[in-house]
Amino acid sequence: MKANSLTEPTFYILLALASEPLHGYGIIKKVELLSENKIILAAGTLYGALDSLKKSYLVDQISNQDNSRRKVYQITDTGLEVLKNDYLRMKNLCLIAENILMKGEK
């Protein structure tokens, strides 16, 4: 998966995992919080995205400490690098757009 190919939900999933490992429901709730309820992930969408992220080595499934059936996911070093690169790409896009769109509004 290329750094500039992250969808908005995928970006938020990686962002949710950047601070701590989470199980599926935890990811759903954290994405809602981070996106101010603009991204509401259905379970099927989340697990499809997690499968793709695992295949791309951007997240890992880790053992669950409390031995429950919940699967816990964490971002990998590669996933963190992809997330940072996508953030920097979007930040640069915003700076370019600001320079063009806000020209003369000062």
N, C-alpha and C. Protein backbone atom coordinates (compact mmCIF):
# COMPACT_ATOMS: atom_id res chain seq x y z
N MET A 1 0.85 -1.18 0.00
CA MET A 1 0.00 0.00 0.00
C MET A 1 0.89 1.24 0.00
N LYS A 2 0.65 2.12 -0.94
CA LYS A 2 1.44 3.34 -1.03
C LYS A 2 0.98 4.35 0.01
N ALA A 3 1.92 5.21 0.42
CA ALA A 3 1.61 6.20 1.46
C ALA A 3 0.48 7.11 1.02
N ASN A 4 0.39 7.43 -0.26
CA ASN A 4 -0.64 8.37 -0.69
C ASN A 4 -1.94 7.67 -1.07
N SER A 5 -2.06 6.39 -0.77
CA SER A 5 -3.27 5.68 -1.13
C SER A 5 -4.19 5.40 0.06
N LEU A 6 -3.90 5.99 1.21
CA LEU A 6 -4.75 5.77 2.37
C LEU A 6 -6.11 6.44 2.17
N THR A 7 -7.16 5.67 2.40
CA THR A 7 -8.49 6.27 2.41
C THR A 7 -8.67 6.97 3.75
N GLU A 8 -9.68 7.78 3.84
CA GLU A 8 -9.94 8.48 5.10
C GLU A 8 -10.20 7.50 6.26
N PRO A 9 -11.06 6.50 6.07
CA PRO A 9 -11.24 5.54 7.17
C PRO A 9 -9.95 4.80 7.55
N THR A 10 -9.16 4.41 6.55
CA THR A 10 -7.90 3.72 6.83
C THR A 10 -6.94 4.63 7.58
N PHE A 11 -6.88 5.89 7.19
CA PHE A 11 -6.04 6.86 7.89
C PHE A 11 -6.45 6.92 9.36
N TYR A 12 -7.75 7.00 9.61
CA TYR A 12 -8.24 7.08 11.00
C TYR A 12 -7.99 5.79 11.78
N ILE A 13 -8.09 4.64 11.12
CA ILE A 13 -7.81 3.37 11.80
C ILE A 13 -6.35 3.35 12.25
N LEU A 14 -5.44 3.71 11.36
CA LEU A 14 -4.02 3.75 11.73
C LEU A 14 -3.77 4.79 12.81
N LEU A 15 -4.41 5.93 12.70
CA LEU A 15 -4.26 6.98 13.71
C LEU A 15 -4.76 6.49 15.07
N ALA A 16 -5.87 5.77 15.08
CA ALA A 16 -6.40 5.23 16.34
C ALA A 16 -5.42 4.27 16.99
N LEU A 17 -4.69 3.52 16.17
CA LEU A 17 -3.74 2.54 16.70
C LEU A 17 -2.37 3.13 16.99
N ALA A 18 -2.15 4.38 16.59
CA ALA A 18 -0.83 5.00 16.77
C ALA A 18 -0.47 5.20 18.24
N SER A 19 -1.47 5.35 19.10
CA SER A 19 -1.17 5.61 20.51
C SER A 19 -1.27 4.38 21.40
N GLU A 20 -2.02 3.36 20.95
CA GLU A 20 -2.17 2.15 21.78
C GLU A 20 -2.80 1.03 20.96
N PRO A 21 -2.49 -0.21 21.32
CA PRO A 21 -3.19 -1.34 20.69
C PRO A 21 -4.66 -1.34 21.12
N LEU A 22 -5.54 -1.75 20.21
CA LEU A 22 -6.98 -1.76 20.50
C LEU A 22 -7.64 -2.97 19.86
N HIS A 23 -8.76 -3.38 20.43
CA HIS A 23 -9.60 -4.40 19.79
C HIS A 23 -10.56 -3.68 18.85
N GLY A 24 -11.29 -4.45 18.06
CA GLY A 24 -12.15 -3.87 17.03
C GLY A 24 -13.11 -2.80 17.51
N TYR A 25 -13.86 -3.09 18.58
CA TYR A 25 -14.81 -2.10 19.09
C TYR A 25 -14.09 -0.85 19.58
N GLY A 26 -12.93 -1.04 20.18
CA GLY A 26 -12.13 0.11 20.62
C GLY A 26 -11.70 0.98 19.46
N ILE A 27 -11.34 0.34 18.34
CA ILE A 27 -10.96 1.08 17.14
C ILE A 27 -12.15 1.88 16.62
N ILE A 28 -13.30 1.22 16.55
CA ILE A 28 -14.52 1.90 16.06
C ILE A 28 -14.80 3.14 16.91
N LYS A 29 -14.77 3.01 18.21
CA LYS A 29 -15.07 4.13 19.11
C LYS A 29 -14.01 5.23 19.02
N LYS A 30 -12.73 4.85 18.91
CA LYS A 30 -11.67 5.85 18.83
C LYS A 30 -11.74 6.61 17.51
N VAL A 31 -12.07 5.91 16.42
CA VAL A 31 -12.23 6.58 15.13
C VAL A 31 -13.39 7.58 15.20
N GLU A 32 -14.48 7.19 15.83
CA GLU A 32 -15.60 8.13 15.99
C GLU A 32 -15.16 9.36 16.77
N LEU A 33 -14.41 9.15 17.83
CA LEU A 33 -13.93 10.26 18.66
C LEU A 33 -12.97 11.16 17.88
N LEU A 34 -11.98 10.56 17.23
CA LEU A 34 -10.99 11.34 16.50
C LEU A 34 -11.60 12.12 15.33
N SER A 35 -12.60 11.52 14.68
CA SER A 35 -13.22 12.16 13.52
C SER A 35 -14.41 13.02 13.89
N GLU A 36 -14.66 13.18 15.17
CA GLU A 36 -15.82 13.94 15.66
C GLU A 36 -17.11 13.40 15.05
N ASN A 37 -17.23 12.07 15.05
CA ASN A 37 -18.39 11.33 14.55
C ASN A 37 -18.64 11.49 13.05
N LYS A 38 -17.63 11.90 12.30
CA LYS A 38 -17.77 11.99 10.84
C LYS A 38 -17.52 10.64 10.17
N ILE A 39 -16.72 9.79 10.82
CA ILE A 39 -16.45 8.45 10.31
C ILE A 39 -17.04 7.45 11.29
N ILE A 40 -18.06 6.73 10.85
CA ILE A 40 -18.70 5.69 11.66
C ILE A 40 -18.44 4.37 10.92
N LEU A 41 -17.57 3.56 11.50
CA LEU A 41 -17.19 2.31 10.85
C LEU A 41 -18.14 1.19 11.23
N ALA A 42 -18.67 0.50 10.23
CA ALA A 42 -19.41 -0.74 10.48
C ALA A 42 -18.38 -1.83 10.72
N ALA A 43 -18.77 -2.87 11.43
CA ALA A 43 -17.84 -3.95 11.76
C ALA A 43 -17.25 -4.59 10.50
N GLY A 44 -18.07 -4.83 9.50
CA GLY A 44 -17.58 -5.43 8.25
C GLY A 44 -16.54 -4.57 7.56
N THR A 45 -16.78 -3.27 7.55
CA THR A 45 -15.84 -2.32 6.95
C THR A 45 -14.53 -2.33 7.72
N LEU A 46 -14.62 -2.30 9.04
CA LEU A 46 -13.41 -2.29 9.88
C LEU A 46 -12.59 -3.54 9.65
N TYR A 47 -13.21 -4.71 9.74
CA TYR A 47 -12.43 -5.95 9.63
C TYR A 47 -11.90 -6.17 8.23
N GLY A 48 -12.61 -5.70 7.21
CA GLY A 48 -12.07 -5.73 5.84
C GLY A 48 -10.83 -4.85 5.73
N ALA A 49 -10.90 -3.67 6.31
CA ALA A 49 -9.76 -2.75 6.29
C ALA A 49 -8.59 -3.33 7.09
N LEU A 50 -8.88 -3.92 8.25
CA LEU A 50 -7.81 -4.51 9.07
C LEU A 50 -7.13 -5.67 8.34
N ASP A 51 -7.91 -6.48 7.62
CA ASP A 51 -7.32 -7.56 6.84
C ASP A 51 -6.36 -7.01 5.78
N SER A 52 -6.78 -5.95 5.08
CA SER A 52 -5.91 -5.32 4.08
C SER A 52 -4.66 -4.73 4.73
N LEU A 53 -4.85 -4.09 5.88
CA LEU A 53 -3.71 -3.49 6.58
C LEU A 53 -2.74 -4.56 7.07
N LYS A 54 -3.27 -5.70 7.50
CA LYS A 54 -2.39 -6.81 7.92
C LYS A 54 -1.61 -7.35 6.73
N LYS A 55 -2.27 -7.51 5.59
CA LYS A 55 -1.60 -8.02 4.39
C LYS A 55 -0.52 -7.07 3.90
N SER A 56 -0.71 -5.78 4.16
CA SER A 56 0.28 -4.76 3.77
C SER A 56 1.32 -4.52 4.86
N TYR A 57 1.25 -5.29 5.95
CA TYR A 57 2.18 -5.19 7.08
C TYR A 57 2.13 -3.83 7.78
N LEU A 58 0.95 -3.21 7.78
CA LEU A 58 0.79 -1.92 8.44
C LEU A 58 0.23 -2.08 9.85
N VAL A 59 -0.46 -3.20 10.11
CA VAL A 59 -0.91 -3.54 11.46
C VAL A 59 -0.63 -5.02 11.70
N ASP A 60 -0.51 -5.37 12.98
CA ASP A 60 -0.36 -6.75 13.42
C ASP A 60 -1.48 -7.08 14.38
N GLN A 61 -1.87 -8.33 14.39
CA GLN A 61 -2.77 -8.81 15.43
C GLN A 61 -1.89 -9.36 16.54
N ILE A 62 -2.15 -8.95 17.77
CA ILE A 62 -1.31 -9.39 18.89
C ILE A 62 -2.13 -10.23 19.85
N SER A 63 -1.44 -10.94 20.71
CA SER A 63 -2.15 -11.77 21.69
C SER A 63 -2.84 -10.87 22.70
N ASN A 64 -3.98 -11.31 23.12
CA ASN A 64 -4.79 -10.55 24.07
C ASN A 64 -4.41 -10.96 25.49
N GLN A 65 -4.08 -9.99 26.30
CA GLN A 65 -3.62 -10.25 27.66
C GLN A 65 -4.69 -10.87 28.56
N ASP A 66 -5.95 -10.51 28.35
CA ASP A 66 -6.99 -11.00 29.25
C ASP A 66 -7.64 -12.32 28.78
N ASN A 67 -7.05 -12.93 27.74
CA ASN A 67 -7.50 -14.23 27.22
C ASN A 67 -8.95 -14.23 26.74
N SER A 68 -9.50 -13.07 26.43
CA SER A 68 -10.85 -13.04 25.87
C SER A 68 -10.75 -13.36 24.37
N ARG A 69 -11.90 -13.46 23.72
CA ARG A 69 -11.91 -13.78 22.30
C ARG A 69 -11.64 -12.56 21.43
N ARG A 70 -11.54 -11.40 22.04
CA ARG A 70 -11.31 -10.18 21.26
C ARG A 70 -9.92 -10.21 20.63
N LYS A 71 -9.88 -9.80 19.36
CA LYS A 71 -8.60 -9.68 18.68
C LYS A 71 -8.08 -8.27 18.90
N VAL A 72 -6.82 -8.16 19.24
CA VAL A 72 -6.20 -6.86 19.51
C VAL A 72 -5.22 -6.56 18.39
N TYR A 73 -5.24 -5.32 17.94
CA TYR A 73 -4.40 -4.90 16.82
C TYR A 73 -3.47 -3.78 17.26
N GLN A 74 -2.27 -3.76 16.64
CA GLN A 74 -1.33 -2.66 16.88
C GLN A 74 -0.74 -2.23 15.54
N ILE A 75 -0.36 -0.98 15.47
CA ILE A 75 0.27 -0.46 14.27
C ILE A 75 1.72 -0.96 14.24
N THR A 76 2.23 -1.25 13.05
CA THR A 76 3.62 -1.66 12.90
C THR A 76 4.49 -0.42 12.66
N ASP A 77 5.79 -0.60 12.69
CA ASP A 77 6.69 0.51 12.36
C ASP A 77 6.44 0.99 10.95
N THR A 78 6.19 0.06 10.03
CA THR A 78 5.88 0.43 8.64
C THR A 78 4.57 1.20 8.58
N GLY A 79 3.58 0.75 9.34
CA GLY A 79 2.29 1.45 9.38
C GLY A 79 2.43 2.85 9.91
N LEU A 80 3.26 3.02 10.93
CA LEU A 80 3.49 4.35 11.49
C LEU A 80 4.18 5.25 10.48
N GLU A 81 5.12 4.69 9.74
CA GLU A 81 5.82 5.46 8.70
C GLU A 81 4.86 5.88 7.59
N VAL A 82 4.00 4.95 7.15
CA VAL A 82 3.01 5.26 6.12
C VAL A 82 2.05 6.34 6.62
N LEU A 83 1.61 6.22 7.86
CA LEU A 83 0.70 7.22 8.45
C LEU A 83 1.36 8.59 8.48
N LYS A 84 2.60 8.66 8.94
CA LYS A 84 3.31 9.94 8.98
C LYS A 84 3.49 10.53 7.59
N ASN A 85 3.86 9.68 6.63
CA ASN A 85 4.05 10.17 5.26
C ASN A 85 2.75 10.70 4.67
N ASP A 86 1.64 10.03 4.95
CA ASP A 86 0.36 10.50 4.44
C ASP A 86 -0.04 11.80 5.10
N TYR A 87 0.23 11.92 6.40
CA TYR A 87 -0.02 13.18 7.11
C TYR A 87 0.79 14.31 6.47
N LEU A 88 2.06 14.07 6.22
CA LEU A 88 2.92 15.11 5.62
C LEU A 88 2.45 15.47 4.21
N ARG A 89 1.99 14.46 3.45
CA ARG A 89 1.46 14.71 2.11
C ARG A 89 0.24 15.61 2.18
N MET A 90 -0.69 15.30 3.10
CA MET A 90 -1.90 16.12 3.23
C MET A 90 -1.58 17.52 3.76
N LYS A 91 -0.63 17.60 4.67
CA LYS A 91 -0.23 18.90 5.20
C LYS A 91 0.33 19.77 4.08
N ASN A 92 1.15 19.18 3.22
CA ASN A 92 1.71 19.92 2.08
C ASN A 92 0.60 20.37 1.12
N LEU A 93 -0.35 19.47 0.87
CA LEU A 93 -1.49 19.84 0.02
C LEU A 93 -2.25 21.03 0.59
N CYS A 94 -2.45 21.03 1.90
CA CYS A 94 -3.16 22.13 2.55
C CYS A 94 -2.39 23.43 2.45
N LEU A 95 -1.07 23.37 2.59
CA LEU A 95 -0.26 24.59 2.48
C LEU A 95 -0.31 25.15 1.06
N ILE A 96 -0.24 24.28 0.07
CA ILE A 96 -0.33 24.73 -1.32
C ILE A 96 -1.70 25.35 -1.58
N ALA A 97 -2.76 24.67 -1.13
CA ALA A 97 -4.11 25.18 -1.34
C ALA A 97 -4.31 26.51 -0.62
N GLU A 98 -3.79 26.62 0.60
CA GLU A 98 -3.91 27.87 1.35
C GLU A 98 -3.23 29.01 0.61
N ASN A 99 -2.04 28.76 0.09
CA ASN A 99 -1.32 29.80 -0.64
C ASN A 99 -2.08 30.26 -1.88
N ILE A 100 -2.78 29.35 -2.52
CA ILE A 100 -3.53 29.70 -3.73
C ILE A 100 -4.88 30.33 -3.37
N LEU A 101 -5.60 29.69 -2.48
CA LEU A 101 -6.98 30.10 -2.19
C LEU A 101 -7.07 31.35 -1.32
N MET A 102 -6.10 31.56 -0.47
CA MET A 102 -6.17 32.70 0.45
C MET A 102 -5.34 33.89 -0.02
N LYS A 103 -4.84 33.81 -1.22
CA LYS A 103 -4.03 34.88 -1.80
C LYS A 103 -4.88 36.16 -1.86
N GLY A 104 -4.36 37.21 -1.33
CA GLY A 104 -5.05 38.50 -1.37
C GLY A 104 -6.11 38.69 -0.31
N GLU A 105 -6.30 37.72 0.60
CA GLU A 105 -7.31 37.86 1.64
C GLU A 105 -6.73 38.40 2.92
N LYS A 106 -5.49 38.85 2.90
CA LYS A 106 -4.85 39.33 4.13
C LYS A 106 -5.05 40.78 4.35
